[in-house]
Amino acid sequence: MADVETGATLSVVFVSYNSAEIIDRAIAAVRAHLPDAEVIVVDNASTDATRDIVARASTGVTLIQGHGNVGFGTGANIGFAAATGSLVLLLNPDSIVTAVDRRVLADLAARSGNQSVGLLGCRMSARPHEHGTYLISRLPSSRRRLWRYFLRGYLTPREISWPQMRALPRRGPMWVSGAALLARREDLLRVGGFDERFFLYGEDRDLSRRCGQRGIPVGTTTAVTVDHAGGASSSGVSDVKHLTWGLLSILQFEAYSNDPVSLTRVALRILAGIGALTRALRRIPLVGRRMEKRAETVRAVQASLVGFSNGAGPDASFYPDAVKAIEAARSTRG
């Protein structure tokens, strides 16, 4: 989005992976609300029609491809490096722009030429149960994230949905979701962008942490409002991979401030306990089939974690500190 007085521009970056069902709508929404923005789609080796859809979407959309599936953070960094705008809006393909406050955006663009505007979480479209919710929250401890991970990933029925992040909880440093964040490109490059040791999950928490440490404020903005579906950007990825990456991201993040081995031992014990519980409940009517599936998922996640620690698989180079913690925890178990 060009600003007449400052010449500042806005670049919109999407990272796509098998996003054929949603990317067209996401680009169209940007074009409708931010017609002058530079649009960049970084495709992480989609195997569906994503790239063809992007190529047909509109003139002026830059498609970057051919680098393989390098993970969300690395893909975003590729987009940051290619962007020409002084402001960058990073969006998931399932984050649909629904409104733009041009006055606020113009003010941010004017400031971005010579000062930080911060790392800003975008506003979500208001729903009956959400009033002014933003894609920002307080940064929980790794132990709280671990318990939430197990409750949400293994113990909560699929029919129950967890609430989106809410604005301004009471305590703790803040973190901005990578689903829709706005920042000055120079700031993103200055802190090194996302930590590319995260494949998926946790990279936005780490970016927020490092921005705070470098004096870049972490906050919210009304400049852009989005409707975020949540989860649709990677709907083609198996639950086992999601759960594996989710646990590894928690352990990797823990490694930056503490020794992650003790937390890893706790995680492996809880995972084993859930596996034993679900296997014991397999014979109970009504819930037996579901428990069998959960038991299979636990076994698959355990095998995947072992695969990471053994250096197996195309994504085994990620989460190096978490992998070392798993190796140490396994070697001292019992």
Protein backbone atom coordinates (compact mmCIF):
# COMPACT_ATOMS: atom_id res chain seq x y z
CA MET A 1 0.00 0.00 0.00
CA ALA A 2 1.69 3.19 -1.14
CA ASP A 3 1.70 6.21 1.08
CA VAL A 4 1.86 9.45 -0.95
CA GLU A 5 3.84 11.40 1.62
CA THR A 6 6.38 8.83 2.79
CA GLY A 7 6.63 6.45 -0.14
CA ALA A 8 6.41 3.59 2.39
CA THR A 9 4.90 0.35 1.11
CA LEU A 10 3.24 -2.73 2.49
CA SER A 11 4.24 -6.25 1.51
CA VAL A 12 1.88 -9.14 2.30
CA VAL A 13 3.58 -12.53 2.73
CA PHE A 14 1.80 -15.89 2.67
CA VAL A 15 3.49 -19.23 3.35
CA SER A 16 1.53 -22.00 1.67
CA TYR A 17 1.56 -25.77 1.84
CA ASN A 18 -1.27 -27.65 0.11
CA SER A 19 -3.45 -24.58 0.52
CA ALA A 20 -5.44 -24.98 -2.71
CA GLU A 21 -8.80 -24.79 -0.97
CA ILE A 22 -8.14 -21.46 0.73
CA ILE A 23 -5.32 -19.51 -0.94
CA ASP A 24 -7.47 -18.00 -3.71
CA ARG A 25 -9.87 -16.46 -1.21
CA ALA A 26 -7.01 -15.16 0.94
CA ILE A 27 -5.36 -13.40 -2.01
CA ALA A 28 -8.68 -12.01 -3.21
CA ALA A 29 -9.35 -10.52 0.24
CA VAL A 30 -5.95 -8.80 0.24
CA ARG A 31 -6.59 -7.45 -3.24
CA ALA A 32 -10.01 -6.13 -2.17
CA HIS A 33 -8.83 -4.39 1.01
CA LEU A 34 -5.19 -3.63 0.17
CA PRO A 35 -5.17 -3.19 -3.61
CA ASP A 36 -1.73 -1.54 -3.74
CA ALA A 37 0.06 -4.05 -1.51
CA GLU A 38 2.85 -6.24 -2.80
CA VAL A 39 1.71 -9.87 -2.46
CA ILE A 40 4.25 -12.68 -2.06
CA VAL A 41 3.35 -16.36 -1.78
CA VAL A 42 6.14 -18.65 -0.60
CA ASP A 43 5.13 -22.19 -1.46
CA ASN A 44 6.69 -25.01 0.54
CA ALA A 45 6.51 -27.75 -2.10
CA SER A 46 2.73 -28.16 -2.23
CA THR A 47 1.58 -31.34 -3.92
CA ASP A 48 -1.91 -30.06 -4.72
CA ALA A 49 -2.97 -27.24 -7.07
CA THR A 50 -1.78 -24.39 -4.83
CA ARG A 51 0.89 -23.07 -7.18
CA ASP A 52 -1.41 -23.18 -10.22
CA ILE A 53 -4.08 -21.29 -8.31
CA VAL A 54 -1.60 -18.64 -7.19
CA ALA A 55 -0.32 -18.24 -10.74
CA ARG A 56 -3.88 -17.62 -11.95
CA ALA A 57 -4.95 -15.51 -8.97
CA SER A 58 -3.88 -12.07 -10.09
CA THR A 59 -1.18 -10.16 -11.84
CA GLY A 60 1.35 -8.77 -9.45
CA VAL A 61 1.44 -11.80 -7.14
CA THR A 62 4.98 -13.07 -6.70
CA LEU A 63 5.24 -16.85 -6.32
CA ILE A 64 8.44 -18.18 -4.76
CA GLN A 65 8.93 -21.94 -5.09
CA GLY A 66 11.50 -24.64 -5.64
CA HIS A 67 13.09 -24.60 -2.16
CA GLY A 68 11.24 -27.65 -0.83
CA ASN A 69 9.21 -27.94 2.35
CA VAL A 70 11.45 -25.94 4.65
CA GLY A 71 8.89 -25.25 7.37
CA PHE A 72 6.77 -22.23 8.20
CA GLY A 73 9.45 -20.03 9.77
CA THR A 74 12.00 -20.55 7.02
CA GLY A 75 9.33 -19.96 4.39
CA ALA A 76 8.35 -16.71 6.08
CA ASN A 77 11.99 -15.63 6.21
CA ILE A 78 12.26 -16.22 2.46
CA GLY A 79 9.26 -13.94 2.02
CA PHE A 80 10.72 -11.26 4.31
CA ALA A 81 13.95 -11.26 2.31
CA ALA A 82 12.06 -10.88 -0.98
CA ALA A 83 9.68 -8.17 0.25
CA THR A 84 10.27 -4.58 -0.86
CA GLY A 85 7.84 -2.85 1.49
CA SER A 86 8.93 -1.13 4.67
CA LEU A 87 6.01 -2.86 6.42
CA VAL A 88 5.35 -6.59 6.20
CA LEU A 89 2.01 -8.25 6.91
CA LEU A 90 2.47 -11.99 7.43
CA LEU A 91 -0.72 -13.98 6.93
CA ASN A 92 -1.63 -17.64 7.04
CA PRO A 93 -3.64 -18.72 4.00
CA ASP A 94 -6.59 -19.23 6.39
CA SER A 95 -6.36 -15.64 7.67
CA ILE A 96 -8.82 -13.64 5.55
CA VAL A 97 -8.56 -9.87 5.65
CA THR A 98 -12.00 -8.45 6.46
CA ALA A 99 -11.24 -4.78 7.21
CA VAL A 100 -8.45 -2.22 7.07
CA ASP A 101 -8.17 0.99 9.08
CA ARG A 102 -6.35 3.10 6.53
CA ARG A 103 -5.65 5.93 8.94
CA VAL A 104 -3.88 3.60 11.38
CA LEU A 105 -2.05 1.80 8.60
CA ALA A 106 -0.88 5.08 7.06
CA ASP A 107 0.42 6.19 10.47
CA LEU A 108 2.37 2.94 10.86
CA ALA A 109 3.75 3.31 7.35
CA ALA A 110 4.90 6.85 8.07
CA ARG A 111 6.64 5.77 11.29
CA SER A 112 8.24 2.69 9.74
CA GLY A 113 10.68 4.81 7.76
CA ASN A 114 12.72 5.76 10.81
CA GLN A 115 11.44 3.94 13.89
CA SER A 116 10.08 0.60 15.03
CA VAL A 117 6.34 0.11 14.97
CA GLY A 118 6.65 -3.06 17.02
CA LEU A 119 5.65 -6.65 16.41
CA LEU A 120 1.88 -6.31 16.14
CA GLY A 121 -0.90 -8.89 16.38
CA CYS A 122 -3.82 -8.16 14.08
CA ARG A 123 -7.41 -7.87 15.23
CA MET A 124 -9.76 -10.78 14.60
CA SER A 125 -13.27 -10.29 13.25
CA ALA A 126 -15.64 -9.92 16.18
CA ARG A 127 -17.85 -12.91 16.91
CA PRO A 128 -20.70 -13.13 19.43
CA HIS A 129 -18.42 -14.59 22.12
CA GLU A 130 -15.31 -12.56 21.23
CA HIS A 131 -15.13 -8.82 21.73
CA GLY A 132 -12.11 -7.14 20.23
CA THR A 133 -9.99 -10.28 20.25
CA TYR A 134 -6.50 -10.06 18.80
CA LEU A 135 -4.03 -12.66 17.60
CA ILE A 136 -1.87 -12.05 20.63
CA SER A 137 -1.61 -13.56 24.07
CA ARG A 138 0.65 -13.83 27.10
CA LEU A 139 3.58 -16.18 26.84
CA PRO A 140 2.91 -19.23 29.05
CA SER A 141 5.60 -21.25 30.74
CA SER A 142 6.77 -24.39 28.96
CA ARG A 143 5.12 -26.52 31.65
CA ARG A 144 1.77 -24.83 31.10
CA ARG A 145 2.15 -25.28 27.37
CA LEU A 146 2.99 -28.95 27.94
CA TRP A 147 -0.17 -29.59 29.96
CA ARG A 148 -2.26 -27.71 27.42
CA TYR A 149 -0.65 -29.75 24.65
CA PHE A 150 -1.63 -33.06 26.25
CA LEU A 151 -5.12 -31.90 27.22
CA ARG A 152 -5.85 -30.50 23.79
CA GLY A 153 -4.05 -33.06 21.67
CA TYR A 154 -4.86 -36.33 23.42
CA LEU A 155 -7.51 -35.95 26.13
CA THR A 156 -10.08 -33.53 24.74
CA PRO A 157 -12.77 -34.96 22.44
CA ARG A 158 -12.48 -33.67 18.88
CA GLU A 159 -16.00 -32.19 19.15
CA ILE A 160 -14.80 -29.69 21.75
CA SER A 161 -12.98 -26.68 20.32
CA TRP A 162 -10.53 -24.65 22.33
CA PRO A 163 -10.91 -20.86 22.40
CA GLN A 164 -8.78 -18.56 20.29
CA MET A 165 -6.15 -16.46 22.01
CA ARG A 166 -7.59 -13.49 23.83
CA ALA A 167 -6.15 -10.02 24.18
CA LEU A 168 -4.24 -8.89 27.23
CA PRO A 169 -4.41 -11.64 29.87
CA ARG A 170 -3.14 -10.60 33.28
CA ARG A 171 0.51 -11.55 33.49
CA GLY A 172 3.60 -12.49 31.52
CA PRO A 173 5.38 -11.27 28.37
CA MET A 174 3.31 -11.14 25.21
CA TRP A 175 3.60 -13.13 22.01
CA VAL A 176 2.07 -12.54 18.59
CA SER A 177 0.67 -15.34 16.46
CA GLY A 178 2.31 -15.90 13.09
CA ALA A 179 -1.19 -16.31 11.63
CA ALA A 180 -1.49 -12.53 11.21
CA LEU A 181 1.26 -10.19 12.32
CA LEU A 182 2.43 -6.78 11.15
CA ALA A 183 5.94 -5.43 11.59
CA ARG A 184 8.61 -3.29 10.02
CA ARG A 185 10.66 -5.36 7.59
CA GLU A 186 13.89 -3.89 8.93
CA ASP A 187 13.03 -5.07 12.45
CA LEU A 188 12.24 -8.57 11.26
CA LEU A 189 15.57 -8.77 9.44
CA ARG A 190 17.45 -7.21 12.37
CA VAL A 191 16.37 -9.98 14.76
CA GLY A 192 17.05 -12.65 12.14
CA GLY A 193 13.40 -13.40 11.37
CA PHE A 194 12.00 -16.68 12.64
CA ASP A 195 14.34 -19.24 14.18
CA GLU A 196 14.65 -21.82 11.41
CA ARG A 197 15.27 -24.63 13.89
CA PHE A 198 11.49 -24.75 14.37
CA PHE A 199 9.68 -26.55 11.57
CA LEU A 200 6.17 -25.67 12.74
CA TYR A 201 4.75 -24.30 16.02
CA GLY A 202 6.61 -22.22 18.57
CA GLU A 203 8.50 -20.07 16.08
CA ASP A 204 6.15 -17.11 16.66
CA ARG A 205 6.60 -17.36 20.45
CA ASP A 206 10.36 -17.37 19.97
CA LEU A 207 10.25 -14.40 17.58
CA SER A 208 8.16 -12.43 20.08
CA ARG A 209 10.61 -13.30 22.86
CA ARG A 210 13.60 -12.13 20.84
CA CYS A 211 11.87 -8.94 19.71
CA GLY A 212 11.13 -8.09 23.34
CA GLN A 213 14.77 -8.71 24.24
CA ARG A 214 15.89 -6.35 21.44
CA GLY A 215 13.59 -3.55 22.58
CA ILE A 216 11.00 -4.04 19.85
CA PRO A 217 7.59 -3.67 21.51
CA VAL A 218 5.12 -6.54 21.15
CA GLY A 219 1.52 -5.38 20.92
CA THR A 220 -1.64 -5.14 18.86
CA THR A 221 -2.98 -3.08 15.98
CA THR A 222 -6.38 -2.23 14.53
CA ALA A 223 -4.79 -1.51 11.15
CA VAL A 224 -5.79 -4.91 9.77
CA THR A 225 -8.64 -7.18 10.85
CA VAL A 226 -8.74 -10.83 9.80
CA ASP A 227 -11.05 -13.79 10.06
CA HIS A 228 -8.78 -16.64 11.12
CA ALA A 229 -10.14 -20.14 10.64
CA GLY A 230 -7.32 -21.82 12.53
CA GLY A 231 -5.75 -25.08 11.38
CA ALA A 232 -6.92 -24.85 7.78
CA SER A 233 -3.48 -23.79 6.53
CA SER A 234 -2.05 -27.24 7.26
CA SER A 235 -5.16 -29.39 7.09
CA GLY A 236 -3.43 -31.90 4.82
CA VAL A 237 -0.85 -32.80 7.47
CA SER A 238 -1.44 -35.84 9.67
CA ASP A 239 -2.37 -35.53 13.35
CA VAL A 240 0.74 -37.49 14.24
CA LYS A 241 3.01 -34.93 12.60
CA HIS A 242 1.13 -32.03 14.21
CA LEU A 243 1.43 -33.63 17.63
CA THR A 244 5.09 -34.52 17.14
CA TRP A 245 6.02 -31.02 15.97
CA GLY A 246 3.95 -29.48 18.75
CA LEU A 247 5.79 -31.36 21.48
CA LEU A 248 9.20 -30.77 19.93
CA SER A 249 8.50 -27.03 19.69
CA ILE A 250 7.73 -26.87 23.43
CA LEU A 251 10.96 -28.67 24.29
CA GLN A 252 13.00 -26.58 21.84
CA PHE A 253 11.64 -23.36 23.34
CA GLU A 254 12.39 -24.62 26.85
CA ALA A 255 16.02 -25.11 25.84
CA TYR A 256 16.52 -21.38 25.36
CA SER A 257 16.04 -20.59 29.04
CA ASN A 258 16.34 -23.90 30.93
CA ASP A 259 17.69 -27.42 30.70
CA PRO A 260 14.94 -29.19 28.73
CA VAL A 261 15.85 -32.74 29.84
CA SER A 262 13.72 -32.71 33.01
CA LEU A 263 10.70 -31.39 31.10
CA THR A 264 11.32 -34.00 28.41
CA ARG A 265 11.27 -36.79 31.00
CA VAL A 266 7.93 -35.49 32.24
CA ALA A 267 6.57 -35.32 28.70
CA LEU A 268 7.66 -38.87 27.83
CA ARG A 269 6.15 -40.23 31.04
CA ILE A 270 2.83 -38.47 30.43
CA LEU A 271 2.78 -39.73 26.85
CA ALA A 272 3.42 -43.29 28.04
CA GLY A 273 0.72 -42.93 30.70
CA ILE A 274 -1.83 -41.70 28.16
CA GLY A 275 -0.91 -44.63 25.94
CA ALA A 276 -1.48 -47.09 28.79
CA LEU A 277 -4.77 -45.44 29.72
CA THR A 278 -6.16 -45.47 26.19
CA ARG A 279 -5.15 -49.10 25.71
CA ALA A 280 -6.91 -50.03 28.95
CA LEU A 281 -10.11 -48.29 27.82
CA ARG A 282 -10.27 -49.95 24.42
CA ARG A 283 -12.75 -52.62 25.57
CA ILE A 284 -15.30 -50.21 27.03
CA PRO A 285 -18.44 -49.88 24.89
CA LEU A 286 -19.10 -46.55 23.15
CA VAL A 287 -15.58 -45.20 23.70
CA GLY A 288 -13.55 -48.30 22.77
CA ARG A 289 -13.05 -47.45 19.11
CA ARG A 290 -12.04 -43.90 19.91
CA MET A 291 -9.61 -45.09 22.56
CA GLU A 292 -8.07 -47.52 20.10
CA LYS A 293 -7.43 -44.64 17.68
CA ARG A 294 -5.93 -42.55 20.47
CA ALA A 295 -3.69 -45.43 21.49
CA GLU A 296 -2.51 -45.78 17.89
CA THR A 297 -1.80 -42.06 17.75
CA VAL A 298 0.28 -42.23 20.93
CA ARG A 299 2.30 -45.13 19.54
CA ALA A 300 2.88 -43.27 16.29
CA VAL A 301 4.00 -40.08 18.07
CA GLN A 302 6.38 -42.09 20.27
CA ALA A 303 7.83 -43.74 17.16
CA SER A 304 8.14 -40.37 15.44
CA LEU A 305 10.03 -38.91 18.42
CA VAL A 306 12.41 -41.87 18.34
CA GLY A 307 12.83 -41.29 14.61
CA PHE A 308 13.82 -37.70 15.21
CA SER A 309 16.36 -38.70 17.85
CA ASN A 310 17.78 -41.30 15.47
CA GLY A 311 18.11 -38.73 12.69
CA ALA A 312 15.43 -40.35 10.52
CA GLY A 313 13.06 -38.57 8.18
CA PRO A 314 13.31 -35.50 5.92
CA ASP A 315 12.59 -33.06 8.76
CA ALA A 316 14.91 -34.61 11.36
CA SER A 317 17.31 -31.65 11.22
CA PHE A 318 14.81 -29.42 13.03
CA TYR A 319 14.41 -28.92 16.81
CA PRO A 320 18.04 -29.90 17.54
CA ASP A 321 17.96 -29.06 21.27
CA ALA A 322 14.69 -30.92 21.74
CA VAL A 323 16.13 -33.96 19.98
CA LYS A 324 19.19 -33.92 22.25
CA ALA A 325 16.90 -33.69 25.29
CA ILE A 326 14.91 -36.70 24.10
CA GLU A 327 18.13 -38.68 23.62
CA ALA A 328 19.28 -37.76 27.12
CA ALA A 329 15.91 -38.53 28.69
CA ARG A 330 15.70 -41.90 26.96
CA SER A 331 19.24 -42.85 27.97
CA THR A 332 18.57 -42.15 31.66
CA ARG A 333 14.99 -43.45 31.81
CA GLY A 334 14.24 -45.93 34.52
